[in-house]
């Protein structure tokens, strides 16, 4: 299993998928010759008050308090907000809402002027972590729940199932693979070779098996 990394690097496939997502933005000032950003624009300029969709990889390069666009909170976080307030997030199929629910929200948090997204993703994970632990214990040997988990939760679920399986095997002693160290093993081999050499050499001075010396006349 690949190491989990909540802050993906430039070459992360998951990060590429997340940053390709489109985000609705409101134009705050007249942008000269930027009409090509809006497929429905009738002029070559973008006028204030117009809503356009921009990819996340472009938005995250803008300053938080930029004068050009106001980033809107995506509907998926508005839909989860009610469940967060009622502590019923375990019934939400996050994977169906967005496969990268937490990563997408993390990128948008600095641009959320109402500070809603950060609270939602924090409370969502806080409420679901116990449920995630429970299904990891009960789903040993089975596949991960479809659509119920987002990408991060799926990897946590897989890690939980694998850890619980190893723990159960340890309790049942079915996976006992404990071996002696190589140093001790080599020492035991040397001692056995030395004992065989002593046995082959005999037990007396003159080589007679009874250990008695012959008298000389």
N, C-alpha and C. Protein backbone atom coordinates (compact mmCIF):
# COMPACT_ATOMS: atom_id res chain seq x y z
N UNK A 1 0.85 -1.21 0.00
CA UNK A 1 0.00 0.00 0.00
C UNK A 1 0.88 1.25 0.00
N UNK A 2 0.52 2.21 -0.83
CA UNK A 2 1.28 3.45 -0.88
C UNK A 2 1.08 4.25 0.38
N UNK A 3 2.12 4.97 0.77
CA UNK A 3 2.03 5.78 1.97
C UNK A 3 1.00 6.88 1.78
N UNK A 4 0.17 7.06 2.79
CA UNK A 4 -0.86 8.10 2.73
C UNK A 4 -0.23 9.46 2.97
N UNK A 5 -0.61 10.41 2.16
CA UNK A 5 -0.05 11.75 2.27
C UNK A 5 -1.16 12.75 2.08
N UNK A 6 -1.52 13.49 3.13
CA UNK A 6 -2.63 14.42 3.04
C UNK A 6 -2.28 15.65 2.22
N UNK A 7 -0.99 15.90 2.05
CA UNK A 7 -0.55 17.02 1.23
C UNK A 7 0.21 16.46 0.04
N UNK A 8 -0.51 16.09 -1.03
CA UNK A 8 0.14 15.40 -2.17
C UNK A 8 1.21 16.26 -2.83
N UNK A 9 2.17 15.62 -3.45
CA UNK A 9 3.21 16.35 -4.16
C UNK A 9 2.79 16.58 -5.60
N UNK A 10 3.67 17.17 -6.35
CA UNK A 10 3.35 17.58 -7.73
C UNK A 10 3.00 16.38 -8.61
N UNK A 11 3.61 15.22 -8.33
CA UNK A 11 3.42 14.04 -9.17
C UNK A 11 2.30 13.12 -8.68
N UNK A 12 1.53 13.55 -7.71
CA UNK A 12 0.46 12.72 -7.18
C UNK A 12 -0.72 12.69 -8.14
N UNK A 13 -1.15 11.48 -8.54
CA UNK A 13 -2.30 11.35 -9.43
C UNK A 13 -3.55 11.87 -8.76
N UNK A 14 -3.71 11.58 -7.45
CA UNK A 14 -4.88 12.06 -6.72
C UNK A 14 -4.94 13.59 -6.73
N UNK A 15 -3.78 14.21 -6.57
CA UNK A 15 -3.73 15.67 -6.55
C UNK A 15 -4.11 16.25 -7.91
N UNK A 16 -3.72 15.57 -8.97
CA UNK A 16 -4.07 16.03 -10.32
C UNK A 16 -5.58 15.95 -10.52
N UNK A 17 -6.19 14.84 -10.06
CA UNK A 17 -7.64 14.69 -10.19
C UNK A 17 -8.38 15.80 -9.42
N UNK A 18 -7.89 16.09 -8.21
CA UNK A 18 -8.56 17.09 -7.39
C UNK A 18 -8.47 18.47 -8.02
N UNK A 19 -7.29 18.84 -8.47
CA UNK A 19 -7.08 20.20 -8.98
C UNK A 19 -7.70 20.41 -10.36
N UNK A 20 -8.18 19.36 -11.01
CA UNK A 20 -8.89 19.52 -12.27
C UNK A 20 -10.34 19.94 -12.07
N UNK A 21 -10.84 19.84 -10.83
CA UNK A 21 -12.24 20.17 -10.55
C UNK A 21 -12.51 21.65 -10.84
N UNK A 22 -13.71 21.91 -11.35
CA UNK A 22 -14.12 23.29 -11.64
C UNK A 22 -14.82 23.88 -10.41
N UNK A 23 -14.56 25.16 -10.16
CA UNK A 23 -15.14 25.87 -9.03
C UNK A 23 -15.83 27.14 -9.55
N UNK A 24 -17.02 27.39 -9.06
CA UNK A 24 -17.76 28.58 -9.49
C UNK A 24 -17.17 29.83 -8.84
N UNK A 25 -16.95 30.84 -9.64
CA UNK A 25 -16.37 32.10 -9.16
C UNK A 25 -17.18 33.28 -9.71
N UNK A 26 -17.24 34.33 -8.92
CA UNK A 26 -17.93 35.55 -9.33
C UNK A 26 -16.89 36.59 -9.70
N UNK A 27 -17.06 37.19 -10.86
CA UNK A 27 -16.12 38.20 -11.34
C UNK A 27 -16.38 39.51 -10.59
N UNK A 28 -15.34 40.10 -10.02
CA UNK A 28 -15.48 41.31 -9.21
C UNK A 28 -15.15 42.59 -9.97
N UNK A 29 -14.38 42.48 -11.02
CA UNK A 29 -13.96 43.67 -11.76
C UNK A 29 -13.90 43.34 -13.25
N UNK A 30 -13.95 44.34 -14.06
CA UNK A 30 -13.92 44.12 -15.51
C UNK A 30 -12.55 43.60 -15.92
N UNK A 31 -12.55 42.45 -16.60
CA UNK A 31 -11.31 41.82 -17.02
C UNK A 31 -11.20 41.92 -18.53
N UNK A 32 -10.23 42.70 -18.97
CA UNK A 32 -10.05 42.94 -20.40
C UNK A 32 -9.58 41.68 -21.12
N UNK A 33 -10.26 41.40 -22.24
CA UNK A 33 -9.89 40.30 -23.15
C UNK A 33 -9.81 38.94 -22.43
N UNK A 34 -10.63 38.75 -21.41
CA UNK A 34 -10.68 37.49 -20.68
C UNK A 34 -12.01 36.76 -20.91
N UNK A 35 -12.76 37.18 -21.93
CA UNK A 35 -14.04 36.55 -22.19
C UNK A 35 -13.94 35.09 -22.58
N UNK A 36 -12.77 34.66 -23.04
CA UNK A 36 -12.60 33.27 -23.45
C UNK A 36 -12.74 32.31 -22.26
N UNK A 37 -12.64 32.83 -21.03
CA UNK A 37 -12.80 31.97 -19.85
C UNK A 37 -14.25 31.54 -19.67
N UNK A 38 -15.17 32.24 -20.28
CA UNK A 38 -16.59 31.92 -20.16
C UNK A 38 -17.11 31.52 -21.53
N UNK A 39 -17.52 30.26 -21.65
CA UNK A 39 -17.98 29.77 -22.95
C UNK A 39 -19.24 30.49 -23.42
N UNK A 40 -20.02 31.04 -22.49
CA UNK A 40 -21.25 31.72 -22.86
C UNK A 40 -21.11 33.22 -22.98
N UNK A 41 -19.91 33.73 -22.89
CA UNK A 41 -19.71 35.18 -22.96
C UNK A 41 -19.98 35.69 -24.37
N UNK A 42 -20.65 36.84 -24.46
CA UNK A 42 -20.98 37.43 -25.75
C UNK A 42 -19.97 38.49 -26.16
N UNK A 43 -19.10 38.89 -25.26
CA UNK A 43 -18.06 39.88 -25.57
C UNK A 43 -16.71 39.29 -25.23
N UNK A 44 -15.67 40.00 -25.63
CA UNK A 44 -14.33 39.51 -25.35
C UNK A 44 -13.85 39.88 -23.96
N UNK A 45 -14.68 40.61 -23.22
CA UNK A 45 -14.33 41.00 -21.87
C UNK A 45 -15.24 40.30 -20.86
N UNK A 46 -14.77 40.16 -19.63
CA UNK A 46 -15.58 39.64 -18.54
C UNK A 46 -16.06 40.81 -17.69
N UNK A 47 -17.37 40.92 -17.56
CA UNK A 47 -17.96 42.02 -16.82
C UNK A 47 -18.18 41.65 -15.35
N UNK A 48 -18.16 42.64 -14.44
CA UNK A 48 -18.39 42.36 -13.00
C UNK A 48 -19.76 41.72 -12.77
N UNK A 49 -19.81 40.81 -11.83
CA UNK A 49 -21.05 40.15 -11.47
C UNK A 49 -21.32 38.86 -12.23
N UNK A 50 -20.52 38.56 -13.22
CA UNK A 50 -20.72 37.33 -14.01
C UNK A 50 -20.10 36.15 -13.27
N UNK A 51 -20.79 35.00 -13.34
CA UNK A 51 -20.30 33.77 -12.72
C UNK A 51 -19.66 32.86 -13.77
N UNK A 52 -18.46 32.40 -13.49
CA UNK A 52 -17.75 31.50 -14.39
C UNK A 52 -17.17 30.35 -13.57
N UNK A 53 -16.85 29.28 -14.25
CA UNK A 53 -16.23 28.11 -13.62
C UNK A 53 -14.76 28.04 -13.99
N UNK A 54 -13.91 28.02 -12.97
CA UNK A 54 -12.46 27.96 -13.17
C UNK A 54 -11.90 26.70 -12.53
N UNK A 55 -10.87 26.11 -13.12
CA UNK A 55 -10.27 24.91 -12.52
C UNK A 55 -9.56 25.26 -11.22
N UNK A 56 -9.53 24.30 -10.33
CA UNK A 56 -8.93 24.53 -9.02
C UNK A 56 -7.45 24.84 -9.12
N UNK A 57 -6.76 24.24 -10.09
CA UNK A 57 -5.32 24.48 -10.20
C UNK A 57 -5.03 25.95 -10.50
N UNK A 58 -5.98 26.64 -11.16
CA UNK A 58 -5.81 28.07 -11.42
C UNK A 58 -6.16 28.90 -10.19
N UNK A 59 -7.23 28.52 -9.52
CA UNK A 59 -7.68 29.28 -8.35
C UNK A 59 -6.63 29.26 -7.24
N UNK A 60 -6.00 28.11 -7.02
CA UNK A 60 -5.07 28.01 -5.90
C UNK A 60 -3.80 28.80 -6.12
N UNK A 61 -3.61 29.33 -7.33
CA UNK A 61 -2.46 30.20 -7.59
C UNK A 61 -2.79 31.67 -7.32
N UNK A 62 -4.09 31.96 -7.09
CA UNK A 62 -4.48 33.33 -6.81
C UNK A 62 -4.29 33.65 -5.33
N UNK A 63 -4.12 34.91 -5.03
CA UNK A 63 -4.06 35.32 -3.64
C UNK A 63 -5.43 35.19 -3.00
N UNK A 64 -5.44 34.93 -1.69
CA UNK A 64 -6.70 34.73 -0.99
C UNK A 64 -7.60 35.96 -1.15
N UNK A 65 -7.05 37.15 -1.00
CA UNK A 65 -7.84 38.39 -1.09
C UNK A 65 -7.63 39.06 -2.45
N UNK A 66 -7.70 38.24 -3.51
CA UNK A 66 -7.51 38.82 -4.83
C UNK A 66 -8.71 39.68 -5.21
N UNK A 67 -8.48 40.65 -6.08
CA UNK A 67 -9.52 41.60 -6.45
C UNK A 67 -10.33 41.17 -7.66
N UNK A 68 -10.03 39.99 -8.20
CA UNK A 68 -10.64 39.59 -9.46
C UNK A 68 -11.84 38.66 -9.30
N UNK A 69 -11.71 37.66 -8.41
CA UNK A 69 -12.76 36.66 -8.29
C UNK A 69 -13.12 36.43 -6.82
N UNK A 70 -14.39 36.09 -6.61
CA UNK A 70 -14.86 35.62 -5.31
C UNK A 70 -15.27 34.17 -5.49
N UNK A 71 -14.63 33.28 -4.73
CA UNK A 71 -14.88 31.85 -4.88
C UNK A 71 -16.12 31.47 -4.10
N UNK A 72 -17.03 30.76 -4.73
CA UNK A 72 -18.27 30.32 -4.09
C UNK A 72 -18.07 28.96 -3.43
N UNK A 73 -18.79 28.74 -2.34
CA UNK A 73 -18.74 27.44 -1.67
C UNK A 73 -19.49 26.42 -2.52
N UNK A 74 -18.86 25.32 -2.92
CA UNK A 74 -19.55 24.30 -3.72
C UNK A 74 -20.76 23.73 -3.00
N UNK A 75 -21.73 23.30 -3.77
CA UNK A 75 -22.98 22.79 -3.20
C UNK A 75 -22.78 21.54 -2.35
N UNK A 76 -21.75 20.75 -2.65
CA UNK A 76 -21.57 19.51 -1.89
C UNK A 76 -21.34 19.80 -0.41
N UNK A 77 -20.68 20.90 -0.09
CA UNK A 77 -20.43 21.24 1.31
C UNK A 77 -21.67 21.87 1.95
N UNK A 78 -22.48 22.54 1.14
CA UNK A 78 -23.74 23.05 1.66
C UNK A 78 -24.68 21.90 2.00
N UNK A 79 -24.66 20.84 1.19
CA UNK A 79 -25.53 19.69 1.43
C UNK A 79 -25.13 18.92 2.67
N UNK A 80 -23.82 18.91 2.98
CA UNK A 80 -23.34 18.18 4.14
C UNK A 80 -23.54 18.98 5.42
N UNK A 81 -23.68 20.29 5.29
CA UNK A 81 -23.74 21.15 6.47
C UNK A 81 -24.87 20.75 7.42
N UNK A 82 -26.05 20.45 6.90
CA UNK A 82 -27.19 20.08 7.74
C UNK A 82 -26.90 18.77 8.49
N UNK A 83 -26.31 17.81 7.81
CA UNK A 83 -25.99 16.54 8.46
C UNK A 83 -24.93 16.73 9.54
N UNK A 84 -23.98 17.63 9.32
CA UNK A 84 -22.96 17.91 10.33
C UNK A 84 -23.60 18.49 11.58
N UNK A 85 -24.54 19.40 11.41
CA UNK A 85 -25.20 20.02 12.57
C UNK A 85 -26.03 19.00 13.34
N UNK A 86 -26.58 18.00 12.65
CA UNK A 86 -27.42 17.01 13.31
C UNK A 86 -26.66 15.73 13.68
N UNK A 87 -25.34 15.76 13.47
CA UNK A 87 -24.47 14.61 13.82
C UNK A 87 -24.95 13.33 13.14
N UNK A 88 -25.28 13.43 11.86
CA UNK A 88 -25.73 12.27 11.11
C UNK A 88 -24.88 12.05 9.86
N UNK A 89 -23.61 12.38 9.94
CA UNK A 89 -22.75 12.28 8.76
C UNK A 89 -22.43 10.84 8.38
N UNK A 90 -22.64 9.89 9.27
CA UNK A 90 -22.32 8.49 8.94
C UNK A 90 -23.25 7.95 7.86
N UNK A 91 -24.39 8.60 7.64
CA UNK A 91 -25.33 8.14 6.61
C UNK A 91 -25.03 8.73 5.24
N UNK A 92 -24.07 9.65 5.18
CA UNK A 92 -23.76 10.31 3.91
C UNK A 92 -22.81 9.45 3.09
N UNK A 93 -23.10 9.31 1.82
CA UNK A 93 -22.20 8.61 0.92
C UNK A 93 -21.23 9.64 0.31
N UNK A 94 -20.15 9.88 1.04
CA UNK A 94 -19.21 10.92 0.60
C UNK A 94 -18.61 10.59 -0.76
N UNK A 95 -18.35 9.32 -1.02
CA UNK A 95 -17.78 8.95 -2.30
C UNK A 95 -18.67 9.29 -3.47
N UNK A 96 -19.98 9.33 -3.23
CA UNK A 96 -20.90 9.70 -4.30
C UNK A 96 -20.96 11.23 -4.45
N UNK A 97 -20.87 11.95 -3.33
CA UNK A 97 -20.86 13.41 -3.40
C UNK A 97 -19.60 13.92 -4.10
N UNK A 98 -18.47 13.42 -3.64
CA UNK A 98 -17.18 13.79 -4.25
C UNK A 98 -16.14 12.78 -3.81
N UNK A 99 -15.43 12.16 -4.76
CA UNK A 99 -14.44 11.13 -4.39
C UNK A 99 -13.25 11.69 -3.59
N UNK A 100 -13.04 13.00 -3.65
CA UNK A 100 -11.95 13.64 -2.90
C UNK A 100 -12.53 14.76 -2.04
N UNK A 101 -13.48 14.41 -1.22
CA UNK A 101 -14.23 15.38 -0.43
C UNK A 101 -13.31 16.22 0.46
N UNK A 102 -12.41 15.59 1.20
CA UNK A 102 -11.55 16.31 2.14
C UNK A 102 -10.46 17.10 1.43
N UNK A 103 -9.85 16.51 0.40
CA UNK A 103 -8.78 17.20 -0.32
C UNK A 103 -9.32 18.43 -1.04
N UNK A 104 -10.46 18.27 -1.69
CA UNK A 104 -11.07 19.39 -2.41
C UNK A 104 -11.40 20.53 -1.45
N UNK A 105 -11.97 20.19 -0.30
CA UNK A 105 -12.30 21.20 0.69
C UNK A 105 -11.09 21.85 1.29
N UNK A 106 -10.02 21.08 1.47
CA UNK A 106 -8.80 21.65 2.05
C UNK A 106 -8.22 22.74 1.15
N UNK A 107 -8.26 22.51 -0.17
CA UNK A 107 -7.76 23.51 -1.10
C UNK A 107 -8.61 24.79 -1.08
N UNK A 108 -9.92 24.61 -0.89
CA UNK A 108 -10.82 25.76 -0.95
C UNK A 108 -10.93 26.53 0.36
N UNK A 109 -10.51 25.92 1.46
CA UNK A 109 -10.66 26.55 2.77
C UNK A 109 -10.07 27.96 2.86
N UNK A 110 -8.87 28.23 2.35
CA UNK A 110 -8.32 29.59 2.47
C UNK A 110 -9.14 30.64 1.72
N UNK A 111 -9.91 30.23 0.71
CA UNK A 111 -10.67 31.18 -0.10
C UNK A 111 -12.11 31.34 0.38
N UNK A 112 -12.48 30.62 1.42
CA UNK A 112 -13.84 30.68 1.96
C UNK A 112 -13.90 31.81 2.99
N UNK A 113 -14.48 32.91 2.62
CA UNK A 113 -14.49 34.08 3.50
C UNK A 113 -15.42 33.90 4.70
N UNK A 114 -16.36 32.99 4.59
CA UNK A 114 -17.28 32.73 5.71
C UNK A 114 -16.78 31.61 6.63
N UNK A 115 -15.65 31.02 6.30
CA UNK A 115 -15.03 29.97 7.13
C UNK A 115 -16.01 28.81 7.40
N UNK A 116 -16.69 28.39 6.37
CA UNK A 116 -17.66 27.31 6.48
C UNK A 116 -17.04 25.96 6.12
N UNK A 117 -16.28 25.93 5.04
CA UNK A 117 -15.77 24.66 4.52
C UNK A 117 -14.85 23.99 5.54
N UNK A 118 -13.98 24.78 6.17
CA UNK A 118 -13.04 24.21 7.15
C UNK A 118 -13.77 23.53 8.29
N UNK A 119 -14.82 24.15 8.81
CA UNK A 119 -15.58 23.56 9.92
C UNK A 119 -16.31 22.30 9.46
N UNK A 120 -16.81 22.33 8.22
CA UNK A 120 -17.58 21.18 7.73
C UNK A 120 -16.69 19.95 7.57
N UNK A 121 -15.53 20.11 6.94
CA UNK A 121 -14.68 18.93 6.73
C UNK A 121 -14.11 18.43 8.06
N UNK A 122 -13.84 19.34 9.00
CA UNK A 122 -13.35 18.91 10.31
C UNK A 122 -14.42 18.13 11.05
N UNK A 123 -15.63 18.67 11.12
CA UNK A 123 -16.71 18.01 11.86
C UNK A 123 -17.12 16.71 11.17
N UNK A 124 -17.08 16.69 9.85
CA UNK A 124 -17.45 15.47 9.12
C UNK A 124 -16.52 14.33 9.47
N UNK A 125 -15.22 14.58 9.42
CA UNK A 125 -14.27 13.52 9.75
C UNK A 125 -14.33 13.16 11.23
N UNK A 126 -14.52 14.15 12.09
CA UNK A 126 -14.60 13.86 13.52
C UNK A 126 -15.78 12.94 13.84
N UNK A 127 -16.91 13.16 13.18
CA UNK A 127 -18.08 12.34 13.43
C UNK A 127 -17.98 10.96 12.77
N UNK A 128 -17.24 10.88 11.68
CA UNK A 128 -17.20 9.63 10.93
C UNK A 128 -16.04 8.72 11.34
N UNK A 129 -15.09 9.22 12.12
CA UNK A 129 -13.91 8.41 12.43
C UNK A 129 -14.27 7.18 13.26
N UNK A 130 -15.21 7.30 14.19
CA UNK A 130 -15.64 6.16 14.99
C UNK A 130 -16.35 5.14 14.12
N UNK A 131 -17.20 5.63 13.22
CA UNK A 131 -17.89 4.73 12.29
C UNK A 131 -16.88 4.03 11.39
N UNK A 132 -15.85 4.76 10.97
CA UNK A 132 -14.80 4.18 10.12
C UNK A 132 -14.06 3.08 10.86
N UNK A 133 -13.81 3.27 12.14
CA UNK A 133 -13.15 2.25 12.95
C UNK A 133 -14.02 1.01 13.08
N UNK A 134 -15.32 1.22 13.27
CA UNK A 134 -16.24 0.09 13.44
C UNK A 134 -16.32 -0.76 12.17
N UNK A 135 -16.47 -0.13 11.02
CA UNK A 135 -16.60 -0.92 9.79
C UNK A 135 -15.27 -1.56 9.41
N UNK A 136 -14.15 -0.98 9.84
CA UNK A 136 -12.86 -1.61 9.58
C UNK A 136 -12.73 -2.92 10.36
N UNK A 137 -13.30 -2.97 11.56
CA UNK A 137 -13.26 -4.18 12.36
C UNK A 137 -14.23 -5.24 11.83
N UNK A 138 -15.35 -4.79 11.29
CA UNK A 138 -16.38 -5.73 10.85
C UNK A 138 -16.23 -6.17 9.41
N UNK A 139 -15.40 -5.47 8.64
CA UNK A 139 -15.27 -5.77 7.22
C UNK A 139 -13.99 -6.54 6.91
N UNK A 140 -13.48 -7.32 7.88
CA UNK A 140 -12.25 -8.08 7.66
C UNK A 140 -12.48 -9.10 6.56
N UNK A 141 -11.65 -9.03 5.53
CA UNK A 141 -11.76 -9.98 4.43
C UNK A 141 -12.76 -9.59 3.36
N UNK A 142 -13.50 -8.51 3.55
CA UNK A 142 -14.49 -8.07 2.55
C UNK A 142 -14.00 -6.81 1.86
N UNK A 143 -14.65 -6.45 0.78
CA UNK A 143 -14.26 -5.27 0.03
C UNK A 143 -14.74 -4.01 0.72
N UNK A 144 -14.15 -2.88 0.34
CA UNK A 144 -14.52 -1.62 0.97
C UNK A 144 -15.92 -1.21 0.53
N UNK A 145 -16.65 -0.48 1.39
CA UNK A 145 -18.01 -0.06 1.05
C UNK A 145 -18.01 0.90 -0.13
N UNK A 146 -18.78 0.58 -1.14
CA UNK A 146 -18.85 1.43 -2.32
C UNK A 146 -19.62 2.71 -2.02
N UNK A 147 -19.09 3.84 -2.50
CA UNK A 147 -19.73 5.15 -2.45
C UNK A 147 -19.86 5.71 -1.03
N UNK A 148 -19.59 4.94 -0.01
CA UNK A 148 -19.76 5.46 1.34
C UNK A 148 -18.55 6.26 1.79
N UNK A 149 -17.41 6.01 1.22
CA UNK A 149 -16.16 6.63 1.67
C UNK A 149 -15.52 7.43 0.55
N UNK A 150 -14.84 8.49 0.94
CA UNK A 150 -14.08 9.23 -0.06
C UNK A 150 -12.68 8.60 -0.16
N UNK A 151 -11.79 9.20 -0.92
CA UNK A 151 -10.48 8.60 -1.17
C UNK A 151 -9.67 8.39 0.11
N UNK A 152 -9.60 9.41 0.96
CA UNK A 152 -8.83 9.31 2.20
C UNK A 152 -9.44 8.27 3.13
N UNK A 153 -10.77 8.28 3.25
CA UNK A 153 -11.42 7.31 4.12
C UNK A 153 -11.25 5.89 3.60
N UNK A 154 -11.23 5.72 2.28
CA UNK A 154 -11.03 4.38 1.71
C UNK A 154 -9.66 3.83 2.07
N UNK A 155 -8.64 4.68 2.02
CA UNK A 155 -7.30 4.22 2.37
C UNK A 155 -7.18 3.95 3.87
N UNK A 156 -7.84 4.77 4.67
CA UNK A 156 -7.86 4.51 6.11
C UNK A 156 -8.60 3.21 6.42
N UNK A 157 -9.68 2.94 5.68
CA UNK A 157 -10.43 1.70 5.86
C UNK A 157 -9.57 0.49 5.51
N UNK A 158 -8.85 0.57 4.40
CA UNK A 158 -7.98 -0.53 4.00
C UNK A 158 -6.88 -0.77 5.03
N UNK A 159 -6.31 0.32 5.53
CA UNK A 159 -5.27 0.17 6.56
C UNK A 159 -5.85 -0.41 7.84
N UNK A 160 -7.08 0.00 8.20
CA UNK A 160 -7.72 -0.53 9.40
C UNK A 160 -8.04 -2.00 9.28
N UNK A 161 -8.54 -2.43 8.12
CA UNK A 161 -8.84 -3.85 7.90
C UNK A 161 -7.56 -4.68 7.96
N UNK A 162 -6.51 -4.20 7.33
CA UNK A 162 -5.26 -4.95 7.32
C UNK A 162 -4.67 -5.05 8.73
N UNK A 163 -4.71 -3.94 9.48
CA UNK A 163 -4.18 -3.95 10.85
C UNK A 163 -4.99 -4.87 11.75
N UNK A 164 -6.30 -4.84 11.61
CA UNK A 164 -7.15 -5.70 12.44
C UNK A 164 -6.94 -7.17 12.10
N UNK A 165 -6.72 -7.47 10.83
CA UNK A 165 -6.44 -8.85 10.42
C UNK A 165 -5.14 -9.34 11.03
N UNK A 166 -4.10 -8.51 10.99
CA UNK A 166 -2.83 -8.88 11.59
C UNK A 166 -2.98 -9.08 13.10
N UNK A 167 -3.79 -8.24 13.73
CA UNK A 167 -3.99 -8.37 15.17
C UNK A 167 -4.70 -9.68 15.51
N UNK A 168 -5.73 -10.02 14.74
CA UNK A 168 -6.45 -11.28 14.98
C UNK A 168 -5.55 -12.48 14.74
N UNK A 169 -4.72 -12.42 13.71
CA UNK A 169 -3.77 -13.52 13.45
C UNK A 169 -2.77 -13.66 14.59
N UNK A 170 -2.38 -12.54 15.15
CA UNK A 170 -1.43 -12.59 16.27
C UNK A 170 -2.10 -13.23 17.49
N UNK A 171 -3.37 -12.87 17.75
CA UNK A 171 -4.07 -13.47 18.88
C UNK A 171 -4.23 -14.97 18.72
N UNK A 172 -4.45 -15.42 17.50
CA UNK A 172 -4.64 -16.84 17.23
C UNK A 172 -3.32 -17.56 16.96
N UNK A 173 -2.23 -16.81 17.00
CA UNK A 173 -0.89 -17.37 16.75
C UNK A 173 -0.80 -18.03 15.38
N UNK A 174 -1.63 -17.59 14.44
CA UNK A 174 -1.61 -18.20 13.11
C UNK A 174 -0.57 -17.55 12.20
N UNK A 175 -0.07 -16.42 12.61
CA UNK A 175 0.94 -15.76 11.80
C UNK A 175 2.25 -15.61 12.52
N UNK A 176 2.59 -16.60 13.34
CA UNK A 176 3.82 -16.53 14.14
C UNK A 176 5.02 -16.79 13.25
N UNK A 177 5.70 -15.74 12.87
CA UNK A 177 6.88 -15.87 12.01
C UNK A 177 8.14 -15.37 12.71
N UNK A 178 8.16 -15.49 14.04
CA UNK A 178 9.30 -15.00 14.80
C UNK A 178 10.50 -15.91 14.53
N UNK A 179 11.62 -15.34 14.22
CA UNK A 179 12.86 -16.09 13.94
C UNK A 179 13.98 -15.53 14.80
N UNK A 180 14.94 -16.40 15.07
CA UNK A 180 16.09 -15.95 15.84
C UNK A 180 16.95 -15.07 14.95
N UNK A 181 17.75 -14.23 15.58
CA UNK A 181 18.59 -13.32 14.81
C UNK A 181 19.70 -14.10 14.09
N UNK A 182 20.23 -13.49 13.05
CA UNK A 182 21.28 -14.14 12.27
C UNK A 182 22.54 -14.36 13.10
N UNK A 183 22.82 -13.43 14.02
CA UNK A 183 24.01 -13.57 14.85
C UNK A 183 23.91 -14.79 15.76
N UNK A 184 22.72 -14.96 16.39
CA UNK A 184 22.52 -16.13 17.26
C UNK A 184 22.55 -17.41 16.44
N UNK A 185 21.99 -17.40 15.26
CA UNK A 185 21.97 -18.59 14.41
C UNK A 185 23.38 -19.01 14.01
N UNK A 186 24.21 -18.04 13.66
CA UNK A 186 25.60 -18.36 13.31
C UNK A 186 26.36 -18.91 14.52
N UNK A 187 26.09 -18.34 15.70
CA UNK A 187 26.75 -18.83 16.90
C UNK A 187 26.37 -20.28 17.19
N UNK A 188 25.09 -20.61 17.01
CA UNK A 188 24.65 -21.98 17.24
C UNK A 188 25.29 -22.95 16.24
N UNK A 189 25.44 -22.54 15.00
CA UNK A 189 26.09 -23.39 14.00
C UNK A 189 27.55 -23.65 14.35
N UNK A 190 28.24 -22.61 14.81
CA UNK A 190 29.65 -22.79 15.19
C UNK A 190 29.79 -23.75 16.38
N UNK A 191 28.90 -23.62 17.34
CA UNK A 191 28.95 -24.49 18.50
C UNK A 191 28.68 -25.94 18.11
N UNK A 192 27.74 -26.18 17.21
CA UNK A 192 27.46 -27.54 16.76
C UNK A 192 28.63 -28.12 16.00
N UNK A 193 29.30 -27.32 15.18
CA UNK A 193 30.47 -27.80 14.45
C UNK A 193 31.60 -28.15 15.42
N UNK A 194 31.75 -27.33 16.46
CA UNK A 194 32.79 -27.60 17.46
C UNK A 194 32.48 -28.90 18.22
N UNK A 195 31.22 -29.13 18.55
CA UNK A 195 30.84 -30.36 19.26
C UNK A 195 31.06 -31.59 18.40
N UNK A 196 30.77 -31.50 17.11
CA UNK A 196 31.00 -32.64 16.22
C UNK A 196 32.48 -32.93 16.08
N UNK A 197 33.28 -31.87 16.04
CA UNK A 197 34.73 -32.06 15.94
C UNK A 197 35.27 -32.78 17.17
N UNK A 198 34.75 -32.41 18.36
CA UNK A 198 35.19 -33.06 19.59
C UNK A 198 34.77 -34.54 19.61
N UNK A 199 33.58 -34.84 19.13
CA UNK A 199 33.10 -36.22 19.12
C UNK A 199 33.91 -37.07 18.16
N UNK A 200 34.25 -36.51 17.02
CA UNK A 200 35.02 -37.27 16.04
C UNK A 200 36.46 -37.46 16.49
N UNK A 201 36.98 -36.59 17.35
CA UNK A 201 38.36 -36.69 17.79
C UNK A 201 38.58 -37.74 18.86
N UNK A 202 37.54 -38.28 19.50
CA UNK A 202 37.70 -39.28 20.55
C UNK A 202 37.80 -38.66 21.91
N UNK A 203 37.80 -39.53 22.94
CA UNK A 203 37.79 -39.04 24.30
C UNK A 203 39.02 -39.35 25.09
N UNK A 204 40.20 -39.84 24.46
CA UNK A 204 41.42 -40.11 25.23
C UNK A 204 42.62 -39.55 24.51
N UNK A 205 43.75 -39.69 25.18
CA UNK A 205 44.98 -39.11 24.64
C UNK A 205 45.56 -39.93 23.51
N UNK A 206 45.49 -41.33 23.62
CA UNK A 206 46.13 -42.16 22.61
C UNK A 206 45.16 -42.64 21.55
N UNK A 207 43.90 -42.12 21.60
CA UNK A 207 42.94 -42.49 20.57
C UNK A 207 42.21 -43.76 20.85
N UNK A 208 42.48 -44.47 21.98
CA UNK A 208 41.75 -45.70 22.29
C UNK A 208 40.37 -45.35 22.80
N UNK A 209 39.35 -46.11 22.43
CA UNK A 209 37.98 -45.76 22.79
C UNK A 209 37.68 -45.88 24.26
N UNK A 210 38.42 -46.70 25.01
CA UNK A 210 38.09 -46.87 26.42
C UNK A 210 38.73 -45.83 27.31
N UNK A 211 39.56 -45.02 26.74
CA UNK A 211 40.14 -43.93 27.49
C UNK A 211 41.29 -44.36 28.41
N UNK A 212 41.74 -45.64 28.39
CA UNK A 212 42.85 -46.09 29.24
C UNK A 212 44.14 -46.09 28.47
N UNK A 213 45.23 -45.69 29.12
CA UNK A 213 46.53 -45.69 28.49
C UNK A 213 47.12 -47.10 28.47
N UNK A 214 47.83 -47.43 27.39
CA UNK A 214 48.50 -48.71 27.30
C UNK A 214 49.81 -48.65 28.09
N UNK A 215 50.06 -49.73 28.75
CA UNK A 215 51.31 -49.80 29.53
C UNK A 215 52.47 -50.11 28.60
N UNK A 216 53.59 -49.56 28.91
CA UNK A 216 54.80 -49.78 28.09
C UNK A 216 55.72 -50.69 28.88
N UNK A 217 56.28 -51.62 28.22
CA UNK A 217 57.19 -52.58 28.84
C UNK A 217 58.61 -52.15 28.55
